[in-house]
PDB file of N, CA and C in Angstrom:
ATOM      1  N   MET A   1     103.755  94.818 118.789  1.00  0.00           N
ATOM      2  CA  MET A   1     104.873  94.053 119.296  1.00  0.00           C
ATOM      3  C   MET A   1     105.347  93.089 118.204  1.00  0.00           C
ATOM      4  N   ALA A   2     106.632  92.974 118.040  1.00  0.00           N
ATOM      5  CA  ALA A   2     107.208  92.099 117.021  1.00  0.00           C
ATOM      6  C   ALA A   2     106.914  90.642 117.351  1.00  0.00           C
ATOM      7  N   LYS A   3     106.746  89.853 116.321  1.00  0.00           N
ATOM      8  CA  LYS A   3     106.485  88.415 116.462  1.00  0.00           C
ATOM      9  C   LYS A   3     107.651  87.636 115.883  1.00  0.00           C
ATOM     10  N   THR A   4     107.888  86.464 116.430  1.00  0.00           N
ATOM     11  CA  THR A   4     108.914  85.565 115.921  1.00  0.00           C
ATOM     12  C   THR A   4     108.232  84.451 115.152  1.00  0.00           C
ATOM     13  N   VAL A   5     108.751  84.164 113.958  1.00  0.00           N
ATOM     14  CA  VAL A   5     108.196  83.119 113.108  1.00  0.00           C
ATOM     15  C   VAL A   5     109.315  82.149 112.760  1.00  0.00           C
ATOM     16  N   THR A   6     109.036  80.874 112.876  1.00  0.00           N
ATOM     17  CA  THR A   6     110.002  79.856 112.492  1.00  0.00           C
ATOM     18  C   THR A   6     109.719  79.437 111.065  1.00  0.00           C
ATOM     19  N   LEU A   7     110.769  79.321 110.277  1.00  0.00           N
ATOM     20  CA  LEU A   7     110.633  79.004 108.861  1.00  0.00           C
ATOM     21  C   LEU A   7     111.573  77.850 108.536  1.00  0.00           C
ATOM     22  N   ARG A   8     111.041  76.796 107.945  1.00  0.00           N
ATOM     23  CA  ARG A   8     111.874  75.651 107.573  1.00  0.00           C
ATOM     24  C   ARG A   8     112.258  75.777 106.103  1.00  0.00           C
ATOM     25  N   LEU A   9     113.558  75.800 105.826  1.00  0.00           N
ATOM     26  CA  LEU A   9     114.068  75.937 104.467  1.00  0.00           C
ATOM     27  C   LEU A   9     115.019  74.791 104.149  1.00  0.00           C
ATOM     28  N   SER A  10     115.031  74.397 102.889  1.00  0.00           N
ATOM     29  CA  SER A  10     116.046  73.430 102.455  1.00  0.00           C
ATOM     30  C   SER A  10     117.388  74.166 102.416  1.00  0.00           C
ATOM     31  N   ASP A  11     118.468  73.417 102.328  1.00  0.00           N
ATOM     32  CA  ASP A  11     119.792  74.049 102.233  1.00  0.00           C
ATOM     33  C   ASP A  11     119.873  74.950 101.005  1.00  0.00           C
ATOM     34  N   GLU A  12     119.294  74.495  99.893  1.00  0.00           N
ATOM     35  CA  GLU A  12     119.326  75.279  98.656  1.00  0.00           C
ATOM     36  C   GLU A  12     118.540  76.581  98.806  1.00  0.00           C
ATOM     37  N   GLU A  13     117.354  76.499  99.430  1.00  0.00           N
ATOM     38  CA  GLU A  13     116.541  77.702  99.644  1.00  0.00           C
ATOM     39  C   GLU A  13     117.277  78.688 100.554  1.00  0.00           C
ATOM     40  N   TYR A  14     117.865  78.161 101.623  1.00  0.00           N
ATOM     41  CA  TYR A  14     118.598  79.014 102.563  1.00  0.00           C
ATOM     42  C   TYR A  14     119.753  79.721 101.856  1.00  0.00           C
ATOM     43  N   GLN A  15     120.517  78.976 101.068  1.00  0.00           N
ATOM     44  CA  GLN A  15     121.662  79.564 100.375  1.00  0.00           C
ATOM     45  C   GLN A  15     121.222  80.639  99.376  1.00  0.00           C
ATOM     46  N   ALA A  16     120.121  80.399  98.682  1.00  0.00           N
ATOM     47  CA  ALA A  16     119.609  81.386  97.719  1.00  0.00           C
ATOM     48  C   ALA A  16     119.169  82.656  98.444  1.00  0.00           C
ATOM     49  N   ILE A  17     118.469  82.504  99.559  1.00  0.00           N
ATOM     50  CA  ILE A  17     118.019  83.664 100.334  1.00  0.00           C
ATOM     51  C   ILE A  17     119.214  84.393 100.945  1.00  0.00           C
ATOM     52  N   LEU A  18     120.164  83.645 101.480  1.00  0.00           N
ATOM     53  CA  LEU A  18     121.362  84.242 102.071  1.00  0.00           C
ATOM     54  C   LEU A  18     122.132  85.050 101.025  1.00  0.00           C
ATOM     55  N   ALA A  19     122.310  84.490  99.849  1.00  0.00           N
ATOM     56  CA  ALA A  19     123.042  85.192  98.791  1.00  0.00           C
ATOM     57  C   ALA A  19     122.327  86.476  98.393  1.00  0.00           C
ATOM     58  N   SER A  20     121.017  86.411  98.267  1.00  0.00           N
ATOM     59  CA  SER A  20     120.247  87.604  97.903  1.00  0.00           C
ATOM     60  C   SER A  20     120.304  88.649  99.009  1.00  0.00           C
ATOM     61  N   ALA A  21     120.195  88.215 100.246  1.00  0.00           N
ATOM     62  CA  ALA A  21     120.260  89.143 101.382  1.00  0.00           C
ATOM     63  C   ALA A  21     121.625  89.832 101.431  1.00  0.00           C
ATOM     64  N   GLN A  22     122.682  89.067 101.214  1.00  0.00           N
ATOM     65  CA  GLN A  22     124.032  89.637 101.226  1.00  0.00           C
ATOM     66  C   GLN A  22     124.227  90.638 100.089  1.00  0.00           C
ATOM     67  N   THR A  23     123.629  90.344  98.942  1.00  0.00           N
ATOM     68  CA  THR A  23     123.722  91.258  97.801  1.00  0.00           C
ATOM     69  C   THR A  23     123.108  92.608  98.143  1.00  0.00           C
ATOM     70  N   GLU A  24     122.017  92.583  98.917  1.00  0.00           N
ATOM     71  CA  GLU A  24     121.332  93.822  99.308  1.00  0.00           C
ATOM     72  C   GLU A  24     121.825  94.365 100.651  1.00  0.00           C
ATOM     73  N   HIS A  25     122.850  93.727 101.219  1.00  0.00           N
ATOM     74  CA  HIS A  25     123.424  94.148 102.506  1.00  0.00           C
ATOM     75  C   HIS A  25     122.352  94.206 103.589  1.00  0.00           C
ATOM     76  N   ARG A  26     121.544  93.140 103.667  1.00  0.00           N
ATOM     77  CA  ARG A  26     120.469  93.044 104.662  1.00  0.00           C
ATOM     78  C   ARG A  26     120.658  91.751 105.471  1.00  0.00           C
ATOM     79  N   PRO A  27     120.227  91.764 106.730  1.00  0.00           N
ATOM     80  CA  PRO A  27     120.143  90.500 107.469  1.00  0.00           C
ATOM     81  C   PRO A  27     119.063  89.628 106.804  1.00  0.00           C
ATOM     82  N   ILE A  28     119.164  88.330 106.947  1.00  0.00           N
ATOM     83  CA  ILE A  28     118.215  87.413 106.315  1.00  0.00           C
ATOM     84  C   ILE A  28     116.783  87.733 106.738  1.00  0.00           C
ATOM     85  N   SER A  29     116.539  87.956 108.015  1.00  0.00           N
ATOM     86  CA  SER A  29     115.173  88.218 108.471  1.00  0.00           C
ATOM     87  C   SER A  29     114.613  89.480 107.828  1.00  0.00           C
ATOM     88  N   ASN A  30     115.429  90.518 107.709  1.00  0.00           N
ATOM     89  CA  ASN A  30     114.973  91.757 107.081  1.00  0.00           C
ATOM     90  C   ASN A  30     114.730  91.539 105.592  1.00  0.00           C
ATOM     91  N   PHE A  31     115.592  90.770 104.943  1.00  0.00           N
ATOM     92  CA  PHE A  31     115.408  90.483 103.519  1.00  0.00           C
ATOM     93  C   PHE A  31     114.101  89.736 103.283  1.00  0.00           C
ATOM     94  N   ILE A  32     113.826  88.722 104.099  1.00  0.00           N
ATOM     95  CA  ILE A  32     112.591  87.945 103.939  1.00  0.00           C
ATOM     96  C   ILE A  32     111.374  88.836 104.168  1.00  0.00           C
ATOM     97  N   THR A  33     111.407  89.643 105.235  1.00  0.00           N
ATOM     98  CA  THR A  33     110.295  90.553 105.515  1.00  0.00           C
ATOM     99  C   THR A  33     110.067  91.495 104.345  1.00  0.00           C
ATOM    100  N   HIS A  34     111.131  92.101 103.856  1.00  0.00           N
ATOM    101  CA  HIS A  34     111.033  93.046 102.745  1.00  0.00           C
ATOM    102  C   HIS A  34     110.484  92.354 101.490  1.00  0.00           C
ATOM    103  N   ALA A  35     110.986  91.175 101.171  1.00  0.00           N
ATOM    104  CA  ALA A  35     110.555  90.450  99.968  1.00  0.00           C
ATOM    105  C   ALA A  35     109.085  90.035 100.057  1.00  0.00           C
ATOM    106  N   VAL A  36     108.674  89.554 101.213  1.00  0.00           N
ATOM    107  CA  VAL A  36     107.283  89.117 101.383  1.00  0.00           C
ATOM    108  C   VAL A  36     106.337  90.312 101.293  1.00  0.00           C
ATOM    109  N   LEU A  37     106.652  91.410 101.961  1.00  0.00           N
ATOM    110  CA  LEU A  37     105.788  92.592 101.904  1.00  0.00           C
ATOM    111  C   LEU A  37     105.726  93.176 100.493  1.00  0.00           C
ATOM    112  N   ALA A  38     106.843  93.161  99.779  1.00  0.00           N
ATOM    113  CA  ALA A  38     106.852  93.651  98.392  1.00  0.00           C
ATOM    114  C   ALA A  38     105.942  92.790  97.524  1.00  0.00           C
ATOM    115  N   LYS A  39     105.997  91.477  97.712  1.00  0.00           N
ATOM    116  CA  LYS A  39     105.151  90.565  96.934  1.00  0.00           C
ATOM    117  C   LYS A  39     103.681  90.790  97.262  1.00  0.00           C
ATOM    118  N   ILE A  40     103.359  90.976  98.533  1.00  0.00           N
ATOM    119  CA  ILE A  40     101.976  91.241  98.935  1.00  0.00           C
ATOM    120  C   ILE A  40     101.486  92.534  98.286  1.00  0.00           C
ATOM    121  N   ASN A  41     102.272  93.592  98.370  1.00  0.00           N
ATOM    122  CA  ASN A  41     101.872  94.864  97.766  1.00  0.00           C
ATOM    123  C   ASN A  41     101.709  94.736  96.261  1.00  0.00           C
ATOM    124  N   GLU A  42     102.586  93.989  95.634  1.00  0.00           N
ATOM    125  CA  GLU A  42     102.521  93.789  94.181  1.00  0.00           C
ATOM    126  C   GLU A  42     101.240  93.068  93.775  1.00  0.00           C
ATOM    127  N   SER A  43     100.818  92.106  94.578  1.00  0.00           N
ATOM    128  CA  SER A  43      99.649  91.315  94.207  1.00  0.00           C
ATOM    129  C   SER A  43      98.327  91.950  94.647  1.00  0.00           C
ATOM    130  N   LEU A  44      98.355  92.855  95.615  1.00  0.00           N
ATOM    131  CA  LEU A  44      97.121  93.443  96.131  1.00  0.00           C
ATOM    132  C   LEU A  44      96.752  94.773  95.502  1.00  0.00           C
ATOM    133  N   PHE A  45      97.717  95.483  94.998  1.00  0.00           N
ATOM    134  CA  PHE A  45      97.462  96.841  94.548  1.00  0.00           C
ATOM    135  C   PHE A  45      97.753  97.015  93.066  1.00  0.00           C
ATOM    136  N   VAL A  46      97.054  97.946  92.475  1.00  0.00           N
ATOM    137  CA  VAL A  46      97.227  98.266  91.067  1.00  0.00           C
ATOM    138  C   VAL A  46      98.204  99.438  90.970  1.00  0.00           C
ATOM    139  N   ASP A  47      99.122  99.388  90.012  1.00  0.00           N
ATOM    140  CA  ASP A  47     100.053 100.510  89.885  1.00  0.00           C
ATOM    141  C   ASP A  47      99.314 101.743  89.331  1.00  0.00           C
ATOM    142  N   PRO A  48      99.855 102.934  89.536  1.00  0.00           N
ATOM    143  CA  PRO A  48      99.161 104.168  89.155  1.00  0.00           C
ATOM    144  C   PRO A  48      98.767 104.237  87.671  1.00  0.00           C
ATOM    145  N   VAL A  49      99.606 103.751  86.786  1.00  0.00           N
ATOM    146  CA  VAL A  49      99.294 103.781  85.353  1.00  0.00           C
ATOM    147  C   VAL A  49      98.075 102.914  85.066  1.00  0.00           C
ATOM    148  N   GLU A  50      98.063 101.715  85.660  1.00  0.00           N
ATOM    149  CA  GLU A  50      96.939 100.807  85.465  1.00  0.00           C
ATOM    150  C   GLU A  50      95.658 101.390  86.072  1.00  0.00           C
ATOM    151  N   MET A  51      95.753 102.031  87.244  1.00  0.00           N
ATOM    152  CA  MET A  51      94.578 102.622  87.872  1.00  0.00           C
ATOM    153  C   MET A  51      94.021 103.762  87.022  1.00  0.00           C
ATOM    154  N   ASN A  52      94.888 104.583  86.436  1.00  0.00           N
ATOM    155  CA  ASN A  52      94.425 105.662  85.557  1.00  0.00           C
ATOM    156  C   ASN A  52      93.685 105.091  84.347  1.00  0.00           C
ATOM    157  N   GLU A  53      94.186 103.989  83.819  1.00  0.00           N
ATOM    158  CA  GLU A  53      93.533 103.347  82.683  1.00  0.00           C
ATOM    159  C   GLU A  53      92.143 102.837  83.079  1.00  0.00           C
ATOM    160  N   ILE A  54      92.048 102.236  84.247  1.00  0.00           N
ATOM    161  CA  ILE A  54      90.762 101.736  84.745  1.00  0.00           C
ATOM    162  C   ILE A  54      89.782 102.904  84.923  1.00  0.00           C
ATOM    163  N   LYS A  55      90.237 103.970  85.581  1.00  0.00           N
ATOM    164  CA  LYS A  55      89.363 105.107  85.875  1.00  0.00           C
ATOM    165  C   LYS A  55      88.932 105.851  84.620  1.00  0.00           C
ATOM    166  N   SER A  56      89.733 105.796  83.578  1.00  0.00           N
ATOM    167  CA  SER A  56      89.386 106.520  82.350  1.00  0.00           C
ATOM    168  C   SER A  56      88.378 105.757  81.489  1.00  0.00           C
ATOM    169  N   ASP A  57      88.127 104.486  81.816  1.00  0.00           N
ATOM    170  CA  ASP A  57      87.159 103.670  81.070  1.00  0.00           C
ATOM    171  C   ASP A  57      85.776 103.885  81.688  1.00  0.00           C
ATOM    172  N   LYS A  58      84.991 104.777  81.092  1.00  0.00           N
ATOM    173  CA  LYS A  58      83.688 105.168  81.654  1.00  0.00           C
ATOM    174  C   LYS A  58      82.727 103.980  81.766  1.00  0.00           C
ATOM    175  N   GLU A  59      82.693 103.132  80.761  1.00  0.00           N
ATOM    176  CA  GLU A  59      81.796 101.966  80.794  1.00  0.00           C
ATOM    177  C   GLU A  59      82.189 101.007  81.917  1.00  0.00           C
ATOM    178  N   LEU A  60      83.470 100.770  82.067  1.00  0.00           N
ATOM    179  CA  LEU A  60      83.948  99.895  83.145  1.00  0.00           C
ATOM    180  C   LEU A  60      83.583 100.481  84.502  1.00  0.00           C
ATOM    181  N   MET A  61      83.792 101.781  84.694  1.00  0.00           N
ATOM    182  CA  MET A  61      83.465 102.423  85.967  1.00  0.00           C
ATOM    183  C   MET A  61      81.969 102.313  86.259  1.00  0.00           C
ATOM    184  N   LYS A  62      81.153 102.475  85.246  1.00  0.00           N
ATOM    185  CA  LYS A  62      79.707 102.347  85.415  1.00  0.00           C
ATOM    186  C   LYS A  62      79.349 100.933  85.877  1.00  0.00           C
ATOM    187  N   ARG A  63      79.956  99.928  85.253  1.00  0.00           N
ATOM    188  CA  ARG A  63      79.682  98.535  85.617  1.00  0.00           C
ATOM    189  C   ARG A  63      80.203  98.209  87.015  1.00  0.00           C
ATOM    190  N   LEU A  64      81.359  98.752  87.368  1.00  0.00           N
ATOM    191  CA  LEU A  64      81.900  98.524  88.717  1.00  0.00           C
ATOM    192  C   LEU A  64      80.999  99.139  89.787  1.00  0.00           C
ATOM    193  N   LYS A  65      80.531 100.347  89.544  1.00  0.00           N
ATOM    194  CA  LYS A  65      79.632 101.002  90.505  1.00  0.00           C
ATOM    195  C   LYS A  65      78.326 100.235  90.642  1.00  0.00           C
ATOM    196  N   SER A  66      77.800  99.756  89.518  1.00  0.00           N
ATOM    197  CA  SER A  66      76.567  98.975  89.548  1.00  0.00           C
ATOM    198  C   SER A  66      76.775  97.676  90.333  1.00  0.00           C
ATOM    199  N   GLY A  67      77.872  97.000  90.063  1.00  0.00           N
ATOM    200  CA  GLY A  67      78.172  95.752  90.771  1.00  0.00           C
ATOM    201  C   GLY A  67      78.368  95.976  92.254  1.00  0.00           C
ATOM    202  N   SER A  68      79.048  97.051  92.618  1.00  0.00           N
ATOM    203  CA  SER A  68      79.258  97.377  94.029  1.00  0.00           C
ATOM    204  C   SER A  68      77.928  97.646  94.718  1.00  0.00           C
ATOM    205  N   SER A  69      77.068  98.399  94.042  1.00  0.00           N
ATOM    206  CA  SER A  69      75.744  98.709  94.588  1.00  0.00           C
ATOM    207  C   SER A  69      74.926  97.432  94.799  1.00  0.00           C
ATOM    208  N   GLN A  70      74.959  96.540  93.804  1.00  0.00           N
ATOM    209  CA  GLN A  70      74.224  95.278  93.918  1.00  0.00           C
ATOM    210  C   GLN A  70      74.785  94.420  95.053  1.00  0.00           C
ATOM    211  N   ALA A  71      76.095  94.398  95.199  1.00  0.00           N
ATOM    212  CA  ALA A  71      76.708  93.605  96.264  1.00  0.00           C
ATOM    213  C   ALA A  71      76.289  94.126  97.636  1.00  0.00           C
ATOM    214  N   LYS A  72      76.260  95.455  97.799  1.00  0.00           N
ATOM    215  CA  LYS A  72      75.840  96.041  99.076  1.00  0.00           C
ATOM    216  C   LYS A  72      74.398  95.674  99.405  1.00  0.00           C
ATOM    217  N   LYS A  73      73.566  95.557  98.379  1.00  0.00           N
ATOM    218  CA  LYS A  73      72.158  95.207  98.569  1.00  0.00           C
ATOM    219  C   LYS A  73      71.936  93.695  98.602  1.00  0.00           C
ATOM    220  N   MET A  74      73.041  92.943  98.494  1.00  0.00           N
ATOM    221  CA  MET A  74      72.995  91.469  98.471  1.00  0.00           C
ATOM    222  C   MET A  74      72.153  90.963  97.289  1.00  0.00           C
ATOM    223  N   LYS A  75      72.235  91.664  96.171  1.00  0.00           N
ATOM    224  CA  LYS A  75      71.528  91.276  94.966  1.00  0.00           C
ATOM    225  C   LYS A  75      72.535  90.793  93.936  1.00  0.00           C
ATOM    226  N   GLY A  76      72.031  90.217  92.872  1.00  0.00           N
ATOM    227  CA  GLY A  76      72.922  89.727  91.829  1.00  0.00           C
ATOM    228  C   GLY A  76      73.197  88.249  92.029  1.00  0.00           C
ATOM    229  N   LYS A  77      74.142  87.751  91.286  1.00  0.00           N
ATOM    230  CA  LYS A  77      74.476  86.327  91.388  1.00  0.00           C
ATOM    231  C   LYS A  77      75.978  86.148  91.299  1.00  0.00           C
ATOM    232  N   PHE A  78      76.441  85.086  91.900  1.00  0.00           N
ATOM    233  CA  PHE A  78      77.867  84.753  91.853  1.00  0.00           C
ATOM    234  C   PHE A  78      78.140  83.936  90.594  1.00  0.00           C
ATOM    235  N   VAL A  79      79.234  84.220  89.956  1.00  0.00           N
ATOM    236  CA  VAL A  79      79.637  83.490  88.761  1.00  0.00           C
ATOM    237  C   VAL A  79      80.885  82.693  89.107  1.00  0.00           C
ATOM    238  N   GLU A  80      80.860  81.428  88.801  1.00  0.00           N
ATOM    239  CA  GLU A  80      82.031  80.595  89.101  1.00  0.00           C
ATOM    240  C   GLU A  80      82.819  80.307  87.861  1.00  0.00           C
TER     241      GLU A  80
END
């Protein structure tokens, strides 16, 4: 079920969002939803080229698997 969220914006923020939404021919709510989800996806996921580079690094993959195994066993130490 869809949820309603209230968002407080300054006049300048509103005008910037409105202008961008109009440029993309979107309602403001759809523009905000699209922009927020795009930002989340950008920050959470690795692009395919970067993932191929990671997977092709055998030493890195070995260390990642070892770290994952240690984490599952609750072994190792946290580094701050």
